[in-house]
Amino acid sequence: MKPSVITLTPAPALDRTYLVDALHLGEVHRARESHVELAGKGVNVSSGLVLAGIPSLAVVPLTREEAASADDEIIYAHTISHPLRVNITVLDDDGNTTKINEKAPPLTTADWTGLVETTLSLAREHQSPWILLAGTIPSSAEGAALDLQALFESAHSQGILVGLDTSGSPLLELARSGLPDVIKPNAPELAECVGRPLLTLGDVVEAAHEVQQWGVTHVLVSLGPDGMVGVSSTGVVHASTGPVTVRNTIGAGDASVAGFLSHVVDHPEEFAHAVARGVAWGALKVQEVSSQLQSLEGLPDVTLTDSPEHGRRLLEPGVI
């Protein structure tokens, strides 16, 4: 089957997750359980899509040795010289997630160009309707910023839609360009984009409208326990679930993106339902230990409204 979504993760990692009874700074801990997986936002999204029976390929930079040992059929390696970084997650019994990420190694201009060309080539070959650029955007080994807009412009010229899930200056640059067809910031990331704090659902809706007016087709704002706000030309929706037991928050946003794309690839006109599915997948993911969604059984019920409670204060506000 032809992949519906090609993801590009320019800074993948080996995710090591340790489960401990409690985490105490400065003390020695013994993990009662541990997991290792090749991950990164795009890889996680592709994994979630495939779990749902939707074909996807994840383009990642790997060394020749890493590419040879990668046995996951969703991985499409572009060969580079530096090894994978290693990210550490520690989960304790109180439901806390502690994360330590290695700095993403820089990419040469040639490596970045190769990753973009590989992604575009796969999308053309398989007639994939969507590309997703996801995760940390590395710095350039030559010192100049990587050319991010070329991926979007080239894809659009070929009728391919492109989503973006990143943060910091790359998110701001691309959002202001109006090129992405969907972005998924959280409240602090959206606050950084518009340059003001977001304390209520109304603040989020107003900020998402502002970004959507820059030209971004769909703006999804993940709000943790407050669910997700979605803004597009078709209107505004707020989706949320009831309380869930949180085991690992890492990868929840990736699961939400995968859920959204899993619906929109076949039903592009059903924006609200795609947002609802994204929220359901994200809420299910936080109940799992892994960084990647492992099962779609037991999806929670979702409350969906096109009339968000504007005065409702966020449990995790966007403060800059």
Protein backbone atom coordinates (compact mmCIF):
# COMPACT_ATOMS: atom_id res chain seq x y z
CA MET A 1 0.00 0.00 0.00
CA LYS A 2 1.20 3.49 -0.81
CA PRO A 3 2.05 5.69 2.19
CA SER A 4 -0.44 8.49 2.75
CA VAL A 5 2.00 10.49 4.86
CA ILE A 6 5.78 10.88 4.52
CA THR A 7 7.34 12.24 7.70
CA LEU A 8 10.72 13.93 7.94
CA THR A 9 12.51 13.92 11.30
CA PRO A 10 15.83 15.77 10.93
CA ALA A 11 16.92 15.12 14.54
CA PRO A 12 15.80 11.60 15.55
CA ALA A 13 16.98 9.95 18.75
CA LEU A 14 17.19 6.75 20.68
CA ASP A 15 14.62 7.23 23.42
CA ARG A 16 15.55 5.45 26.65
CA THR A 17 12.75 5.31 29.21
CA TYR A 18 13.31 4.27 32.83
CA LEU A 19 10.58 3.51 35.37
CA VAL A 20 11.46 4.20 39.01
CA ASP A 21 9.48 4.24 42.25
CA ALA A 22 10.46 7.86 42.96
CA LEU A 23 13.01 10.34 41.62
CA HIS A 24 15.27 12.11 44.14
CA LEU A 25 17.84 14.61 42.95
CA GLY A 26 21.42 13.64 43.79
CA GLU A 27 20.63 10.01 44.64
CA VAL A 28 21.31 6.70 42.90
CA HIS A 29 18.24 5.04 41.41
CA ARG A 30 17.57 1.53 40.20
CA ALA A 31 15.06 1.27 37.36
CA ARG A 32 12.58 -1.57 37.70
CA GLU A 33 11.80 -1.39 33.98
CA SER A 34 13.36 0.20 30.90
CA HIS A 35 12.59 0.60 27.20
CA VAL A 36 14.57 1.73 24.14
CA GLU A 37 13.11 2.82 20.81
CA LEU A 38 14.13 4.76 17.73
CA ALA A 39 11.99 7.85 18.01
CA GLY A 40 11.50 11.48 17.14
CA LYS A 41 8.32 13.34 16.32
CA GLY A 42 8.00 12.22 12.72
CA VAL A 43 8.92 8.64 13.55
CA ASN A 44 6.30 8.63 16.31
CA VAL A 45 3.65 10.00 13.95
CA SER A 46 4.43 7.41 11.28
CA SER A 47 4.33 4.67 13.90
CA GLY A 48 0.90 5.81 15.08
CA LEU A 49 -0.48 5.97 11.56
CA VAL A 50 0.76 2.47 10.73
CA LEU A 51 -0.78 1.22 13.98
CA ALA A 52 -4.12 2.41 12.57
CA GLY A 53 -3.53 0.69 9.24
CA ILE A 54 -2.57 3.88 7.40
CA PRO A 55 0.70 3.42 5.49
CA SER A 56 3.47 5.91 6.31
CA LEU A 57 7.22 6.23 5.86
CA ALA A 58 9.57 8.08 8.21
CA VAL A 59 12.62 9.71 6.62
CA VAL A 60 15.47 9.99 9.15
CA PRO A 61 19.21 10.69 9.01
CA LEU A 62 21.19 7.65 10.17
CA THR A 63 24.74 6.36 9.87
CA ARG A 64 25.28 3.34 7.62
CA GLU A 65 25.59 1.10 10.67
CA GLU A 66 22.39 2.45 12.22
CA ALA A 67 20.53 2.13 8.93
CA ALA A 68 21.65 -1.49 8.57
CA SER A 69 20.38 -2.35 12.05
CA ALA A 70 17.07 -0.51 11.77
CA ASP A 71 14.56 -3.31 11.22
CA ASP A 72 11.39 -1.19 11.25
CA GLU A 73 9.72 -1.14 7.84
CA ILE A 74 8.53 2.44 8.31
CA ILE A 75 12.10 3.80 8.52
CA TYR A 76 13.65 5.22 5.36
CA ALA A 77 17.24 6.20 6.13
CA HIS A 78 19.26 9.00 4.56
CA THR A 79 22.93 8.30 5.29
CA ILE A 80 24.91 10.82 7.37
CA SER A 81 28.13 10.59 9.40
CA HIS A 82 27.14 11.42 12.99
CA PRO A 83 25.38 8.91 15.25
CA LEU A 84 21.95 9.20 16.83
CA ARG A 85 21.61 11.30 19.95
CA VAL A 86 20.19 9.63 23.06
CA ASN A 87 17.27 11.10 25.01
CA ILE A 88 16.40 9.98 28.53
CA THR A 89 12.93 9.81 30.10
CA VAL A 90 12.40 8.96 33.77
CA LEU A 91 8.88 8.06 34.92
CA ASP A 92 8.05 7.85 38.62
CA ASP A 93 5.05 6.42 40.42
CA ASP A 94 3.65 9.90 41.16
CA GLY A 95 3.02 10.38 37.44
CA ASN A 96 5.91 12.77 36.85
CA THR A 97 7.83 12.73 33.57
CA THR A 98 11.46 13.90 33.68
CA LYS A 99 13.14 14.34 30.30
CA ILE A 100 16.78 14.93 29.34
CA ASN A 101 17.40 15.50 25.64
CA GLU A 102 20.81 15.62 24.02
CA LYS A 103 21.39 18.62 21.79
CA ALA A 104 20.61 17.82 18.17
CA PRO A 105 23.83 17.59 16.13
CA PRO A 106 24.08 20.09 13.26
CA LEU A 107 23.37 19.08 9.69
CA THR A 108 25.44 20.10 6.69
CA THR A 109 23.61 21.93 3.95
CA ALA A 110 24.21 18.90 1.73
CA ASP A 111 22.66 16.54 4.30
CA TRP A 112 19.61 18.77 4.72
CA THR A 113 19.17 19.10 0.97
CA GLY A 114 19.46 15.32 0.66
CA LEU A 115 16.81 14.77 3.35
CA VAL A 116 14.43 17.19 1.62
CA GLU A 117 15.01 15.64 -1.80
CA THR A 118 14.52 12.13 -0.42
CA THR A 119 11.25 13.15 1.25
CA LEU A 120 9.92 14.85 -1.87
CA SER A 121 10.99 11.95 -4.07
CA LEU A 122 9.15 9.43 -1.87
CA ALA A 123 6.02 11.58 -1.84
CA ARG A 124 6.09 11.84 -5.64
CA GLU A 125 6.81 8.15 -6.12
CA HIS A 126 3.94 7.07 -3.88
CA GLN A 127 1.60 9.96 -4.70
CA SER A 128 1.40 10.73 -0.99
CA PRO A 129 -0.96 13.63 -0.26
CA TRP A 130 0.86 14.72 2.92
CA ILE A 131 4.39 15.43 4.15
CA LEU A 132 5.07 16.24 7.81
CA LEU A 133 8.22 18.03 8.99
CA ALA A 134 8.49 17.27 12.68
CA GLY A 135 10.75 17.65 15.69
CA THR A 136 13.79 19.72 16.48
CA ILE A 137 15.29 21.52 13.49
CA PRO A 138 19.10 21.24 13.80
CA SER A 139 21.45 24.11 13.21
CA SER A 140 23.55 24.24 10.06
CA ALA A 141 27.10 22.92 10.25
CA GLU A 142 28.16 25.82 8.01
CA GLY A 143 26.70 28.46 10.32
CA ALA A 144 23.89 29.75 8.08
CA ALA A 145 20.29 28.79 8.79
CA LEU A 146 18.91 25.80 6.92
CA ASP A 147 16.52 26.62 4.08
CA LEU A 148 13.23 25.32 5.48
CA GLN A 149 10.82 27.03 3.11
CA ALA A 150 12.08 25.17 0.03
CA LEU A 151 10.49 21.93 1.26
CA PHE A 152 7.08 23.57 1.54
CA GLU A 153 7.33 25.47 -1.74
CA SER A 154 8.50 22.42 -3.70
CA ALA A 155 5.83 20.20 -2.19
CA HIS A 156 3.07 22.72 -2.86
CA SER A 157 4.18 23.09 -6.48
CA GLN A 158 3.52 19.35 -6.81
CA GLY A 159 0.15 19.42 -5.06
CA ILE A 160 1.45 17.92 -1.80
CA LEU A 161 0.27 19.31 1.55
CA VAL A 162 2.87 19.88 4.28
CA GLY A 163 2.37 19.88 8.04
CA LEU A 164 4.76 21.23 10.66
CA ASP A 165 5.30 20.23 14.28
CA THR A 166 8.29 22.03 15.75
CA SER A 167 9.05 24.91 18.09
CA GLY A 168 11.20 28.00 18.54
CA SER A 169 12.41 30.16 15.68
CA PRO A 170 11.68 27.55 12.96
CA LEU A 171 8.02 27.47 14.02
CA LEU A 172 7.81 31.27 14.06
CA GLU A 173 9.58 31.61 10.70
CA LEU A 174 7.40 29.09 8.92
CA ALA A 175 4.15 30.15 10.58
CA ARG A 176 4.75 33.76 9.56
CA SER A 177 5.51 32.60 6.01
CA GLY A 178 2.01 31.11 5.86
CA LEU A 179 3.38 28.03 4.12
CA PRO A 180 2.36 25.17 6.47
CA ASP A 181 -0.98 23.46 5.86
CA VAL A 182 -1.17 22.54 9.54
CA ILE A 183 0.84 23.39 12.65
CA LYS A 184 0.44 22.03 16.19
CA PRO A 185 1.98 24.30 18.82
CA ASN A 186 1.21 24.00 22.50
CA ALA A 187 0.08 27.08 24.45
CA PRO A 188 3.61 28.38 25.30
CA GLU A 189 4.76 27.87 21.69
CA LEU A 190 1.73 29.70 20.32
CA ALA A 191 2.26 32.46 22.88
CA GLU A 192 5.81 32.85 21.59
CA CYS A 193 4.50 33.11 18.03
CA VAL A 194 2.10 35.95 18.80
CA GLY A 195 4.24 37.61 21.47
CA ARG A 196 1.79 37.60 24.37
CA PRO A 197 0.67 35.27 27.18
CA LEU A 198 -2.31 32.97 26.65
CA LEU A 199 -4.22 32.42 29.87
CA THR A 200 -7.71 31.41 28.71
CA LEU A 201 -9.36 29.42 25.94
CA GLY A 202 -10.41 32.73 24.43
CA ASP A 203 -6.78 33.88 24.33
CA VAL A 204 -5.87 30.68 22.49
CA VAL A 205 -8.69 31.04 19.97
CA GLU A 206 -7.72 34.65 19.24
CA ALA A 207 -4.03 33.78 18.84
CA ALA A 208 -4.81 30.78 16.61
CA HIS A 209 -7.02 33.00 14.43
CA GLU A 210 -4.14 35.44 14.11
CA VAL A 211 -1.75 32.73 12.96
CA GLN A 212 -4.36 31.29 10.62
CA GLN A 213 -4.64 34.72 9.02
CA TRP A 214 -0.91 34.59 8.25
CA GLY A 215 -1.82 31.87 5.75
CA VAL A 216 -1.55 28.66 7.81
CA THR A 217 -4.49 26.48 6.77
CA HIS A 218 -5.13 24.63 10.05
CA VAL A 219 -3.88 25.65 13.51
CA LEU A 220 -4.09 22.94 16.17
CA VAL A 221 -3.20 24.03 19.70
CA SER A 222 -2.52 21.22 22.18
CA LEU A 223 -3.51 22.24 25.69
CA GLY A 224 -2.64 19.20 27.82
CA PRO A 225 -5.52 18.49 30.22
CA ASP A 226 -7.63 21.15 28.46
CA GLY A 227 -7.63 19.18 25.21
CA MET A 228 -7.11 20.93 21.88
CA VAL A 229 -8.34 24.01 20.07
CA GLY A 230 -8.51 23.84 16.29
CA VAL A 231 -8.91 26.84 14.00
CA SER A 232 -9.33 26.69 10.24
CA SER A 233 -11.25 28.47 7.52
CA THR A 234 -14.23 26.28 8.43
CA GLY A 235 -14.39 27.61 11.99
CA VAL A 236 -13.26 26.92 15.55
CA VAL A 237 -13.56 23.72 17.57
CA HIS A 238 -12.55 22.71 21.07
CA ALA A 239 -12.12 19.01 21.82
CA SER A 240 -11.38 17.43 25.19
CA THR A 241 -11.70 14.19 27.12
CA GLY A 242 -12.40 13.45 30.73
CA PRO A 243 -9.52 12.98 33.19
CA VAL A 244 -7.10 10.15 32.39
CA THR A 245 -4.31 8.45 34.33
CA VAL A 246 -1.05 9.95 33.10
CA ARG A 247 1.94 7.62 32.86
CA ASN A 248 4.14 9.29 30.21
CA THR A 249 3.41 12.62 28.52
CA ILE A 250 6.23 12.17 25.98
CA GLY A 251 4.80 11.52 22.53
CA ALA A 252 1.27 12.69 23.35
CA GLY A 253 1.49 15.56 20.89
CA ASP A 254 2.85 13.22 18.22
CA ALA A 255 -0.08 10.86 18.79
CA SER A 256 -2.44 13.82 18.43
CA VAL A 257 -0.89 14.80 15.10
CA ALA A 258 -1.11 11.19 13.92
CA GLY A 259 -4.76 11.03 14.95
CA PHE A 260 -5.56 14.26 13.11
CA LEU A 261 -3.79 13.14 9.95
CA SER A 262 -5.32 9.66 10.11
CA HIS A 263 -8.73 11.25 9.60
CA VAL A 264 -7.93 14.21 7.38
CA VAL A 265 -6.08 12.17 4.73
CA ASP A 266 -9.34 10.45 3.82
CA HIS A 267 -11.82 13.13 4.93
CA PRO A 268 -10.18 16.53 4.32
CA GLU A 269 -13.50 18.33 4.76
CA GLU A 270 -14.09 16.95 8.27
CA PHE A 271 -11.79 19.23 10.27
CA ALA A 272 -13.71 19.01 13.55
CA HIS A 273 -13.78 15.20 13.53
CA ALA A 274 -10.05 15.12 12.73
CA VAL A 275 -9.37 17.34 15.76
CA ALA A 276 -11.50 15.07 17.94
CA ARG A 277 -9.58 12.01 16.81
CA GLY A 278 -6.29 13.78 17.51
CA VAL A 279 -7.39 14.52 21.07
CA ALA A 280 -8.53 10.93 21.62
CA TRP A 281 -5.20 9.52 20.43
CA GLY A 282 -3.21 11.96 22.55
CA ALA A 283 -5.25 11.16 25.67
CA LEU A 284 -4.75 7.45 25.06
CA LYS A 285 -1.00 7.88 24.59
CA VAL A 286 -0.36 9.57 27.97
CA GLN A 287 -1.71 6.45 29.65
CA GLU A 288 1.08 4.35 28.10
CA VAL A 289 4.72 4.02 29.18
CA SER A 290 6.28 4.10 25.72
CA SER A 291 7.19 7.25 23.77
CA GLN A 292 5.12 5.89 20.89
CA LEU A 293 1.47 4.92 20.78
CA GLN A 294 1.24 1.16 21.30
CA SER A 295 -2.49 0.45 20.97
CA LEU A 296 -5.70 2.09 19.81
CA GLU A 297 -7.90 0.05 22.13
CA GLY A 298 -9.84 1.94 24.77
CA LEU A 299 -9.95 5.33 23.10
CA PRO A 300 -11.63 7.81 25.46
CA ASP A 301 -14.83 9.64 24.62
CA VAL A 302 -14.33 13.15 23.28
CA THR A 303 -16.44 16.22 23.93
CA LEU A 304 -16.48 18.44 20.83
CA THR A 305 -17.89 21.96 20.60
CA ASP A 306 -17.76 24.83 18.13
CA SER A 307 -18.44 27.27 20.98
CA PRO A 308 -15.39 27.19 23.28
CA GLU A 309 -15.79 28.65 26.77
CA HIS A 310 -13.66 31.73 26.13
CA GLY A 311 -13.35 32.71 29.78
CA ARG A 312 -12.11 29.28 30.90
CA ARG A 313 -8.64 29.56 32.37
CA LEU A 314 -6.03 27.13 31.13
CA LEU A 315 -4.55 24.59 33.51
CA GLU A 316 -1.27 24.89 31.54
CA PRO A 317 -1.22 28.50 30.29
CA GLY A 318 1.01 29.85 27.58
CA VAL A 319 3.42 32.12 29.44
CA ILE A 320 6.39 33.78 27.73
